[in-house]
Amino acid sequence: MKSVTAILSILSVFCIPAFATATIMVHFDPCPIEITVGDSFTVDVFANIPSADSADFYDLTIEYNDTLMRLDEINQSTNFNVITNDITTGNFSGGQLLPLAGDLLLATLNFYSLVEGTTALDVASGAFFTGYLVSEPVDWLSTPCMVSQTSAPVPEPSTILLLGSGLAGLAFYRRKRK
C-alpha cells in the first residue's frame, strides 16, 4: 500500500502541470517625457495584468532623482482600493475591487520640474500578490521612463535690439509720411 501511494505521489508531480503565472508588466505613459523647468506634469502608471486571477494586491515604490523633480501627488485609480499613498517615499499600494485584466491604470503621479537634467522614472521596489487568504507573489517587470528637463529659451539681447530698431524705423517712417 505504501508503494502505491509513493508511485501515485511521484506520478502526480510529473503528470499534473504546474500553474504558470504570467509576468505583469508595469509601464509609464507618456514616455519619454520632455518638460520645461518650472512646469508641472503628470505621468500615468499602468500594469498590464494578463488574467483576472493574476493580481489581487500591489505595492510599488517609484524611484527618480528628487533633486531634479518633486512628487506632488499620487492619485490612485478607482480600479483598486487604496491601501497606502505616501508622496514622501513614493510608495502606493492597493487591492482589487473586482477581478480585472488588461492594461490597468494604477495611479497618476503629479510632478513639478525643479532644475535642468535627465532622470529615469522607474519602480524601485514592489510586489504583486494573488489570493485573498494565502498571498502568492507574482512575477513582474518594470520599464523605466526617461524624463528630460530643459530651461525655457531666453531671447538674446541682439534679437530684442533688432526688434526695437525695426519698430523705431516703422514709427519714424510713419511720422515722416504725415
N, C-alpha and C. Protein backbone atom coordinates (compact mmCIF):
# COMPACT_ATOMS: atom_id res chain seq x y z
N MET A 1 0.82 -1.19 0.00
CA MET A 1 0.00 0.00 0.00
C MET A 1 0.87 1.26 0.00
N LYS A 2 1.97 1.25 0.75
CA LYS A 2 2.86 2.40 0.80
C LYS A 2 3.51 2.62 -0.56
N SER A 3 3.83 1.55 -1.27
CA SER A 3 4.47 1.70 -2.58
C SER A 3 3.50 2.28 -3.60
N VAL A 4 2.21 1.94 -3.50
CA VAL A 4 1.21 2.51 -4.41
C VAL A 4 1.07 4.00 -4.15
N THR A 5 1.05 4.40 -2.89
CA THR A 5 0.94 5.82 -2.54
C THR A 5 2.16 6.58 -3.02
N ALA A 6 3.33 5.99 -2.89
CA ALA A 6 4.57 6.64 -3.35
C ALA A 6 4.56 6.79 -4.86
N ILE A 7 4.11 5.76 -5.57
CA ILE A 7 4.07 5.83 -7.03
C ILE A 7 3.07 6.89 -7.48
N LEU A 8 1.90 6.96 -6.84
CA LEU A 8 0.90 7.97 -7.18
C LEU A 8 1.42 9.37 -6.89
N SER A 9 2.16 9.52 -5.81
CA SER A 9 2.74 10.83 -5.49
C SER A 9 3.73 11.27 -6.55
N ILE A 10 4.58 10.37 -6.97
CA ILE A 10 5.58 10.68 -8.00
C ILE A 10 4.89 11.00 -9.31
N LEU A 11 3.89 10.21 -9.68
CA LEU A 11 3.16 10.45 -10.92
C LEU A 11 2.44 11.80 -10.90
N SER A 12 1.89 12.15 -9.75
CA SER A 12 1.17 13.43 -9.66
C SER A 12 2.11 14.61 -9.85
N VAL A 13 3.35 14.47 -9.40
CA VAL A 13 4.32 15.55 -9.56
C VAL A 13 4.66 15.75 -11.03
N PHE A 14 4.81 14.64 -11.77
CA PHE A 14 5.21 14.74 -13.16
C PHE A 14 4.04 14.89 -14.13
N CYS A 15 2.87 14.43 -13.77
CA CYS A 15 1.74 14.43 -14.70
C CYS A 15 0.83 15.63 -14.56
N ILE A 16 0.76 16.24 -13.40
CA ILE A 16 -0.09 17.41 -13.21
C ILE A 16 0.73 18.65 -13.52
N PRO A 17 0.31 19.41 -14.53
CA PRO A 17 1.11 20.60 -14.87
C PRO A 17 1.07 21.64 -13.77
N ALA A 18 2.17 22.33 -13.62
CA ALA A 18 2.25 23.39 -12.62
C ALA A 18 1.46 24.60 -13.12
N PHE A 19 0.92 25.37 -12.20
CA PHE A 19 0.21 26.57 -12.57
C PHE A 19 1.22 27.63 -12.97
N ALA A 20 1.13 28.05 -14.20
CA ALA A 20 2.06 29.06 -14.70
C ALA A 20 1.42 30.44 -14.55
N THR A 21 2.15 31.34 -13.93
CA THR A 21 1.64 32.70 -13.81
C THR A 21 2.39 33.56 -14.81
N ALA A 22 1.65 34.36 -15.52
CA ALA A 22 2.26 35.26 -16.49
C ALA A 22 2.87 36.45 -15.76
N THR A 23 3.85 37.07 -16.38
CA THR A 23 4.52 38.22 -15.80
C THR A 23 3.70 39.49 -16.01
N ILE A 24 3.57 40.29 -14.97
CA ILE A 24 2.87 41.57 -15.05
C ILE A 24 3.89 42.62 -15.45
N MET A 25 3.54 43.43 -16.45
CA MET A 25 4.42 44.49 -16.93
C MET A 25 3.94 45.85 -16.41
N VAL A 26 4.81 46.58 -15.73
CA VAL A 26 4.50 47.92 -15.24
C VAL A 26 5.18 48.92 -16.17
N HIS A 27 4.41 49.93 -16.63
CA HIS A 27 4.99 50.93 -17.53
C HIS A 27 4.37 52.29 -17.26
N PHE A 28 5.05 53.34 -17.77
CA PHE A 28 4.65 54.73 -17.58
C PHE A 28 4.16 55.31 -18.90
N ASP A 29 3.20 56.22 -18.83
CA ASP A 29 2.69 56.88 -20.03
C ASP A 29 2.38 58.33 -19.69
N PRO A 30 2.81 59.33 -20.40
CA PRO A 30 3.63 59.24 -21.60
C PRO A 30 5.08 58.95 -21.25
N CYS A 31 5.77 58.44 -22.22
CA CYS A 31 7.19 58.13 -22.04
C CYS A 31 7.85 58.11 -23.40
N PRO A 32 8.99 58.73 -23.62
CA PRO A 32 9.74 59.61 -22.72
C PRO A 32 9.04 60.95 -22.54
N ILE A 33 9.51 61.71 -21.57
CA ILE A 33 8.89 62.98 -21.22
C ILE A 33 9.92 64.09 -21.40
N GLU A 34 9.52 65.16 -22.08
CA GLU A 34 10.35 66.36 -22.20
C GLU A 34 9.56 67.51 -21.61
N ILE A 35 10.12 68.17 -20.62
CA ILE A 35 9.41 69.18 -19.85
C ILE A 35 10.31 70.39 -19.65
N THR A 36 9.70 71.55 -19.49
CA THR A 36 10.44 72.78 -19.21
C THR A 36 10.52 72.97 -17.70
N VAL A 37 11.66 73.41 -17.22
CA VAL A 37 11.86 73.66 -15.79
C VAL A 37 10.80 74.65 -15.30
N GLY A 38 10.21 74.34 -14.16
CA GLY A 38 9.19 75.19 -13.57
C GLY A 38 7.77 74.75 -13.91
N ASP A 39 7.63 73.75 -14.78
CA ASP A 39 6.30 73.27 -15.16
C ASP A 39 5.92 72.03 -14.35
N SER A 40 4.63 71.84 -14.21
CA SER A 40 4.10 70.61 -13.61
C SER A 40 3.77 69.63 -14.73
N PHE A 41 3.86 68.34 -14.44
CA PHE A 41 3.50 67.34 -15.43
C PHE A 41 2.97 66.10 -14.73
N THR A 42 2.20 65.30 -15.46
CA THR A 42 1.63 64.08 -14.91
C THR A 42 2.12 62.87 -15.69
N VAL A 43 2.24 61.78 -14.98
CA VAL A 43 2.64 60.50 -15.57
C VAL A 43 1.68 59.44 -15.04
N ASP A 44 1.14 58.63 -15.93
CA ASP A 44 0.28 57.53 -15.53
C ASP A 44 1.11 56.27 -15.36
N VAL A 45 0.80 55.50 -14.31
CA VAL A 45 1.46 54.22 -14.07
C VAL A 45 0.45 53.12 -14.39
N PHE A 46 0.81 52.27 -15.35
CA PHE A 46 -0.07 51.18 -15.78
C PHE A 46 0.55 49.84 -15.42
N ALA A 47 -0.30 48.85 -15.23
CA ALA A 47 0.13 47.47 -15.08
C ALA A 47 -0.64 46.64 -16.09
N ASN A 48 0.10 45.93 -16.93
CA ASN A 48 -0.55 45.03 -17.88
C ASN A 48 -0.73 43.69 -17.18
N ILE A 49 -1.95 43.44 -16.73
CA ILE A 49 -2.27 42.24 -15.96
C ILE A 49 -2.87 41.22 -16.92
N PRO A 50 -2.20 40.07 -17.12
CA PRO A 50 -2.60 39.13 -18.17
C PRO A 50 -3.95 38.43 -17.95
N SER A 51 -4.30 38.14 -16.71
CA SER A 51 -5.57 37.47 -16.47
C SER A 51 -6.18 37.98 -15.17
N ALA A 52 -7.49 37.83 -15.05
CA ALA A 52 -8.21 38.40 -13.91
C ALA A 52 -7.81 37.79 -12.57
N ASP A 53 -7.22 36.62 -12.59
CA ASP A 53 -6.82 36.00 -11.33
C ASP A 53 -5.32 36.12 -11.05
N SER A 54 -4.61 37.00 -11.80
CA SER A 54 -3.16 37.06 -11.64
C SER A 54 -2.67 38.13 -10.67
N ALA A 55 -3.54 39.03 -10.20
CA ALA A 55 -3.09 40.03 -9.23
C ALA A 55 -4.28 40.56 -8.44
N ASP A 56 -4.21 40.41 -7.13
CA ASP A 56 -5.25 40.94 -6.26
C ASP A 56 -4.78 42.15 -5.47
N PHE A 57 -3.47 42.25 -5.22
CA PHE A 57 -2.90 43.35 -4.46
C PHE A 57 -1.60 43.80 -5.12
N TYR A 58 -1.25 45.05 -4.94
CA TYR A 58 0.05 45.54 -5.41
C TYR A 58 0.61 46.51 -4.38
N ASP A 59 1.92 46.64 -4.39
CA ASP A 59 2.63 47.56 -3.52
C ASP A 59 3.87 48.02 -4.28
N LEU A 60 3.92 49.29 -4.69
CA LEU A 60 5.00 49.80 -5.53
C LEU A 60 5.62 51.05 -4.91
N THR A 61 6.92 51.21 -5.10
CA THR A 61 7.64 52.42 -4.72
C THR A 61 8.38 52.90 -5.96
N ILE A 62 8.13 54.16 -6.34
CA ILE A 62 8.79 54.69 -7.53
C ILE A 62 10.12 55.33 -7.17
N GLU A 63 10.97 55.42 -8.17
CA GLU A 63 12.33 55.94 -7.99
C GLU A 63 12.60 57.00 -9.05
N TYR A 64 13.19 58.11 -8.64
CA TYR A 64 13.55 59.20 -9.54
C TYR A 64 14.55 60.09 -8.80
N ASN A 65 15.18 61.01 -9.52
CA ASN A 65 16.14 61.93 -8.91
C ASN A 65 15.34 63.10 -8.30
N ASP A 66 15.24 63.12 -6.98
CA ASP A 66 14.43 64.15 -6.32
C ASP A 66 15.09 65.52 -6.27
N THR A 67 16.32 65.65 -6.77
CA THR A 67 16.91 66.98 -6.89
C THR A 67 16.47 67.64 -8.20
N LEU A 68 15.96 66.84 -9.15
CA LEU A 68 15.52 67.38 -10.44
C LEU A 68 14.02 67.62 -10.49
N MET A 69 13.25 66.78 -9.79
CA MET A 69 11.80 66.93 -9.81
C MET A 69 11.21 66.51 -8.48
N ARG A 70 10.00 67.02 -8.22
CA ARG A 70 9.35 66.77 -6.94
C ARG A 70 8.00 66.09 -7.19
N LEU A 71 7.72 65.04 -6.42
CA LEU A 71 6.43 64.37 -6.49
C LEU A 71 5.44 65.13 -5.62
N ASP A 72 4.39 65.68 -6.24
CA ASP A 72 3.41 66.48 -5.51
C ASP A 72 2.17 65.68 -5.09
N GLU A 73 1.80 64.68 -5.91
CA GLU A 73 0.55 63.98 -5.61
C GLU A 73 0.52 62.62 -6.30
N ILE A 74 -0.10 61.65 -5.62
CA ILE A 74 -0.37 60.34 -6.20
C ILE A 74 -1.88 60.15 -6.19
N ASN A 75 -2.48 60.09 -7.37
CA ASN A 75 -3.91 59.85 -7.50
C ASN A 75 -4.10 58.41 -7.96
N GLN A 76 -4.56 57.56 -7.06
CA GLN A 76 -4.72 56.16 -7.41
C GLN A 76 -6.02 55.92 -8.15
N SER A 77 -6.00 54.92 -9.02
CA SER A 77 -7.14 54.58 -9.85
C SER A 77 -8.29 54.01 -9.03
N THR A 78 -9.49 54.16 -9.55
CA THR A 78 -10.66 53.59 -8.88
C THR A 78 -10.79 52.10 -9.12
N ASN A 79 -9.87 51.50 -9.91
CA ASN A 79 -9.88 50.05 -10.13
C ASN A 79 -9.49 49.29 -8.86
N PHE A 80 -8.80 49.97 -7.93
CA PHE A 80 -8.26 49.32 -6.75
C PHE A 80 -8.64 50.11 -5.50
N ASN A 81 -8.82 49.42 -4.39
CA ASN A 81 -8.98 50.09 -3.09
C ASN A 81 -7.61 50.62 -2.68
N VAL A 82 -7.55 51.87 -2.25
CA VAL A 82 -6.27 52.47 -1.82
C VAL A 82 -5.90 51.91 -0.46
N ILE A 83 -4.68 51.39 -0.34
CA ILE A 83 -4.16 50.89 0.93
C ILE A 83 -3.16 51.89 1.49
N THR A 84 -2.14 52.25 0.70
CA THR A 84 -1.19 53.28 1.10
C THR A 84 -1.01 54.27 -0.03
N ASN A 85 -0.62 55.49 0.33
CA ASN A 85 -0.40 56.55 -0.64
C ASN A 85 0.50 57.58 0.04
N ASP A 86 1.82 57.50 -0.19
CA ASP A 86 2.78 58.33 0.53
C ASP A 86 3.68 59.06 -0.45
N ILE A 87 3.49 60.40 -0.62
CA ILE A 87 4.31 61.13 -1.58
C ILE A 87 5.74 61.35 -1.09
N THR A 88 5.98 61.26 0.21
CA THR A 88 7.35 61.47 0.71
C THR A 88 8.26 60.30 0.33
N THR A 89 7.71 59.08 0.26
CA THR A 89 8.51 57.91 -0.12
C THR A 89 8.22 57.44 -1.54
N GLY A 90 7.14 57.96 -2.15
CA GLY A 90 6.77 57.50 -3.49
C GLY A 90 6.13 56.13 -3.47
N ASN A 91 5.61 55.71 -2.31
CA ASN A 91 5.01 54.38 -2.18
C ASN A 91 3.49 54.46 -2.30
N PHE A 92 2.92 53.53 -3.05
CA PHE A 92 1.47 53.42 -3.13
C PHE A 92 1.09 51.96 -3.34
N SER A 93 -0.04 51.56 -2.75
CA SER A 93 -0.49 50.17 -2.86
C SER A 93 -2.01 50.15 -2.89
N GLY A 94 -2.53 49.03 -3.38
CA GLY A 94 -3.98 48.89 -3.46
C GLY A 94 -4.39 47.45 -3.62
N GLY A 95 -5.66 47.22 -3.42
CA GLY A 95 -6.25 45.89 -3.60
C GLY A 95 -7.42 45.99 -4.56
N GLN A 96 -7.63 44.92 -5.34
CA GLN A 96 -8.67 44.93 -6.36
C GLN A 96 -10.06 44.92 -5.77
N LEU A 97 -10.95 45.66 -6.41
CA LEU A 97 -12.36 45.61 -6.08
C LEU A 97 -13.00 44.40 -6.78
N LEU A 98 -12.65 44.22 -8.05
CA LEU A 98 -13.18 43.13 -8.87
C LEU A 98 -12.01 42.48 -9.60
N PRO A 99 -12.17 41.22 -10.02
CA PRO A 99 -11.11 40.61 -10.83
C PRO A 99 -10.99 41.35 -12.17
N LEU A 100 -9.83 41.90 -12.43
CA LEU A 100 -9.61 42.68 -13.64
C LEU A 100 -8.39 42.18 -14.39
N ALA A 101 -8.39 42.40 -15.70
CA ALA A 101 -7.25 42.03 -16.54
C ALA A 101 -7.10 43.10 -17.61
N GLY A 102 -5.92 43.14 -18.21
CA GLY A 102 -5.64 44.11 -19.26
C GLY A 102 -4.66 45.16 -18.80
N ASP A 103 -4.57 46.24 -19.57
CA ASP A 103 -3.66 47.35 -19.25
C ASP A 103 -4.40 48.30 -18.31
N LEU A 104 -4.17 48.15 -17.00
CA LEU A 104 -4.94 48.87 -15.99
C LEU A 104 -4.16 50.04 -15.41
N LEU A 105 -4.83 51.16 -15.26
CA LEU A 105 -4.23 52.32 -14.63
C LEU A 105 -4.15 52.08 -13.12
N LEU A 106 -2.94 52.16 -12.57
CA LEU A 106 -2.75 52.03 -11.13
C LEU A 106 -2.82 53.40 -10.45
N ALA A 107 -2.13 54.39 -11.03
CA ALA A 107 -2.09 55.72 -10.42
C ALA A 107 -1.64 56.76 -11.43
N THR A 108 -1.98 58.01 -11.14
CA THR A 108 -1.47 59.15 -11.88
C THR A 108 -0.58 59.93 -10.92
N LEU A 109 0.67 60.14 -11.33
CA LEU A 109 1.65 60.84 -10.50
C LEU A 109 1.79 62.27 -10.99
N ASN A 110 1.70 63.24 -10.09
CA ASN A 110 1.87 64.65 -10.44
C ASN A 110 3.23 65.13 -9.93
N PHE A 111 4.05 65.62 -10.86
CA PHE A 111 5.40 66.08 -10.56
C PHE A 111 5.53 67.57 -10.86
N TYR A 112 6.57 68.17 -10.26
CA TYR A 112 6.97 69.54 -10.56
C TYR A 112 8.45 69.51 -10.92
N SER A 113 8.80 70.13 -12.05
CA SER A 113 10.18 70.15 -12.53
C SER A 113 10.96 71.24 -11.81
N LEU A 114 12.06 70.88 -11.16
CA LEU A 114 12.84 71.82 -10.35
C LEU A 114 14.00 72.46 -11.11
N VAL A 115 14.86 71.63 -11.72
CA VAL A 115 16.06 72.12 -12.41
C VAL A 115 16.28 71.29 -13.67
N GLU A 116 17.21 71.79 -14.52
CA GLU A 116 17.56 71.07 -15.74
C GLU A 116 18.23 69.75 -15.43
N GLY A 117 18.01 68.77 -16.29
CA GLY A 117 18.66 67.48 -16.15
C GLY A 117 17.79 66.36 -16.69
N THR A 118 18.33 65.16 -16.63
CA THR A 118 17.63 63.98 -17.10
C THR A 118 17.65 62.93 -16.00
N THR A 119 16.51 62.30 -15.77
CA THR A 119 16.41 61.27 -14.75
C THR A 119 15.55 60.13 -15.26
N ALA A 120 15.78 58.95 -14.71
CA ALA A 120 14.94 57.80 -15.02
C ALA A 120 13.85 57.71 -13.97
N LEU A 121 12.63 57.52 -14.43
CA LEU A 121 11.50 57.27 -13.55
C LEU A 121 11.23 55.78 -13.62
N ASP A 122 11.30 55.10 -12.49
CA ASP A 122 11.18 53.65 -12.50
C ASP A 122 10.56 53.17 -11.20
N VAL A 123 10.25 51.90 -11.15
CA VAL A 123 9.77 51.28 -9.92
C VAL A 123 10.98 50.74 -9.19
N ALA A 124 11.27 51.31 -8.02
CA ALA A 124 12.44 50.91 -7.23
C ALA A 124 12.22 49.56 -6.57
N SER A 125 11.04 49.37 -6.02
CA SER A 125 10.70 48.10 -5.38
C SER A 125 9.20 47.92 -5.45
N GLY A 126 8.79 46.70 -5.30
CA GLY A 126 7.36 46.46 -5.35
C GLY A 126 7.02 44.99 -5.37
N ALA A 127 5.73 44.73 -5.36
CA ALA A 127 5.24 43.36 -5.38
C ALA A 127 3.80 43.35 -5.86
N PHE A 128 3.46 42.29 -6.54
CA PHE A 128 2.08 41.98 -6.88
C PHE A 128 1.76 40.65 -6.23
N PHE A 129 0.56 40.54 -5.66
CA PHE A 129 0.17 39.31 -4.99
C PHE A 129 -1.16 38.83 -5.52
N THR A 130 -1.34 37.52 -5.50
CA THR A 130 -2.62 36.93 -5.86
C THR A 130 -3.12 36.11 -4.68
N GLY A 131 -4.41 36.07 -4.50
CA GLY A 131 -5.01 35.29 -3.43
C GLY A 131 -5.35 36.14 -2.23
N TYR A 132 -6.55 35.93 -1.70
CA TYR A 132 -7.00 36.71 -0.55
C TYR A 132 -6.61 36.07 0.77
N LEU A 133 -6.71 34.75 0.85
CA LEU A 133 -6.38 34.08 2.10
C LEU A 133 -4.89 33.77 2.20
N VAL A 134 -4.34 33.26 1.11
CA VAL A 134 -2.91 32.95 1.06
C VAL A 134 -2.32 33.76 -0.09
N SER A 135 -1.50 34.72 0.23
CA SER A 135 -0.92 35.58 -0.80
C SER A 135 0.29 34.92 -1.42
N GLU A 136 0.28 34.84 -2.74
CA GLU A 136 1.39 34.30 -3.51
C GLU A 136 1.98 35.45 -4.33
N PRO A 137 3.31 35.64 -4.27
CA PRO A 137 3.91 36.71 -5.09
C PRO A 137 3.80 36.37 -6.58
N VAL A 138 3.67 37.42 -7.41
CA VAL A 138 3.55 37.27 -8.86
C VAL A 138 4.76 37.97 -9.49
N ASP A 139 5.32 37.33 -10.53
CA ASP A 139 6.46 37.94 -11.23
C ASP A 139 6.01 39.22 -11.93
N TRP A 140 6.88 40.22 -11.93
CA TRP A 140 6.57 41.47 -12.60
C TRP A 140 7.86 42.13 -13.08
N LEU A 141 7.75 42.96 -14.10
CA LEU A 141 8.86 43.73 -14.65
C LEU A 141 8.43 45.17 -14.80
N SER A 142 9.40 46.07 -14.80
CA SER A 142 9.12 47.49 -14.96
C SER A 142 9.96 48.05 -16.10
N THR A 143 9.38 48.95 -16.88
CA THR A 143 10.10 49.64 -17.94
C THR A 143 10.36 51.06 -17.50
N PRO A 144 11.64 51.47 -17.34
CA PRO A 144 11.91 52.85 -16.90
C PRO A 144 11.53 53.87 -17.95
N CYS A 145 11.25 55.08 -17.50
CA CYS A 145 10.88 56.19 -18.37
C CYS A 145 11.88 57.32 -18.16
N MET A 146 12.40 57.85 -19.24
CA MET A 146 13.36 58.96 -19.14
C MET A 146 12.62 60.29 -19.13
N VAL A 147 12.99 61.16 -18.18
CA VAL A 147 12.40 62.49 -18.06
C VAL A 147 13.51 63.51 -18.30
N SER A 148 13.37 64.32 -19.36
CA SER A 148 14.36 65.36 -19.69
C SER A 148 13.75 66.71 -19.38
N GLN A 149 14.50 67.52 -18.62
CA GLN A 149 14.02 68.83 -18.21
C GLN A 149 14.97 69.89 -18.74
N THR A 150 14.43 70.86 -19.47
CA THR A 150 15.24 71.92 -20.06
C THR A 150 14.69 73.27 -19.62
N SER A 151 15.55 74.29 -19.68
CA SER A 151 15.12 75.65 -19.36
C SER A 151 14.42 76.25 -20.57
N ALA A 152 13.51 77.17 -20.30
CA ALA A 152 12.82 77.87 -21.38
C ALA A 152 13.84 78.74 -22.11
N PRO A 153 13.75 78.83 -23.45
CA PRO A 153 14.71 79.66 -24.17
C PRO A 153 14.54 81.14 -23.80
N VAL A 154 15.68 81.81 -23.63
CA VAL A 154 15.69 83.23 -23.28
C VAL A 154 16.13 84.01 -24.51
N PRO A 155 15.37 85.02 -24.93
CA PRO A 155 15.77 85.78 -26.12
C PRO A 155 17.10 86.48 -25.91
N GLU A 156 17.90 86.52 -26.95
CA GLU A 156 19.20 87.19 -26.88
C GLU A 156 19.00 88.70 -26.90
N PRO A 157 19.91 89.46 -26.30
CA PRO A 157 19.80 90.93 -26.34
C PRO A 157 19.82 91.47 -27.77
N SER A 158 20.58 90.86 -28.66
CA SER A 158 20.65 91.36 -30.04
C SER A 158 19.31 91.18 -30.75
N THR A 159 18.56 90.14 -30.42
CA THR A 159 17.25 89.94 -31.02
C THR A 159 16.30 91.05 -30.58
N ILE A 160 16.35 91.39 -29.31
CA ILE A 160 15.50 92.46 -28.79
C ILE A 160 15.91 93.81 -29.41
N LEU A 161 17.22 94.03 -29.57
CA LEU A 161 17.71 95.26 -30.19
C LEU A 161 17.24 95.35 -31.64
N LEU A 162 17.31 94.28 -32.38
CA LEU A 162 16.86 94.24 -33.77
C LEU A 162 15.36 94.53 -33.86
N LEU A 163 14.58 93.91 -33.00
CA LEU A 163 13.13 94.14 -32.98
C LEU A 163 12.84 95.60 -32.64
N GLY A 164 13.52 96.12 -31.63
CA GLY A 164 13.31 97.52 -31.22
C GLY A 164 13.67 98.50 -32.33
N SER A 165 14.80 98.27 -33.01
CA SER A 165 15.19 99.19 -34.09
C SER A 165 14.21 99.11 -35.26
N GLY A 166 13.65 97.96 -35.53
CA GLY A 166 12.64 97.82 -36.58
C GLY A 166 11.38 98.59 -36.23
N LEU A 167 10.95 98.49 -34.99
CA LEU A 167 9.77 99.23 -34.55
C LEU A 167 10.02 100.73 -34.58
N ALA A 168 11.22 101.15 -34.17
CA ALA A 168 11.57 102.57 -34.21
C ALA A 168 11.59 103.06 -35.66
N GLY A 169 12.11 102.27 -36.57
CA GLY A 169 12.13 102.62 -38.00
C GLY A 169 10.73 102.77 -38.55
N LEU A 170 9.83 101.89 -38.18
CA LEU A 170 8.43 102.00 -38.62
C LEU A 170 7.79 103.26 -38.07
N ALA A 171 8.04 103.58 -36.81
CA ALA A 171 7.48 104.79 -36.21
C ALA A 171 8.03 106.03 -36.91
N PHE A 172 9.33 106.06 -37.21
CA PHE A 172 9.95 107.19 -37.89
C PHE A 172 9.37 107.36 -39.29
N TYR A 173 9.21 106.24 -40.01
CA TYR A 173 8.66 106.26 -41.36
C TYR A 173 7.22 106.79 -41.36
N ARG A 174 6.42 106.35 -40.38
CA ARG A 174 5.02 106.80 -40.29
C ARG A 174 4.96 108.30 -39.98
N ARG A 175 5.84 108.74 -39.11
CA ARG A 175 5.86 110.17 -38.71
C ARG A 175 6.29 111.03 -39.89
N LYS A 176 7.25 110.56 -40.68
CA LYS A 176 7.77 111.31 -41.82
C LYS A 176 6.70 111.43 -42.92
N ARG A 177 5.85 110.36 -43.06
CA ARG A 177 4.80 110.36 -44.07
C ARG A 177 3.71 111.36 -43.76
N LYS A 178 3.46 111.66 -42.52
CA LYS A 178 2.40 112.60 -42.13
C LYS A 178 2.83 113.97 -42.39
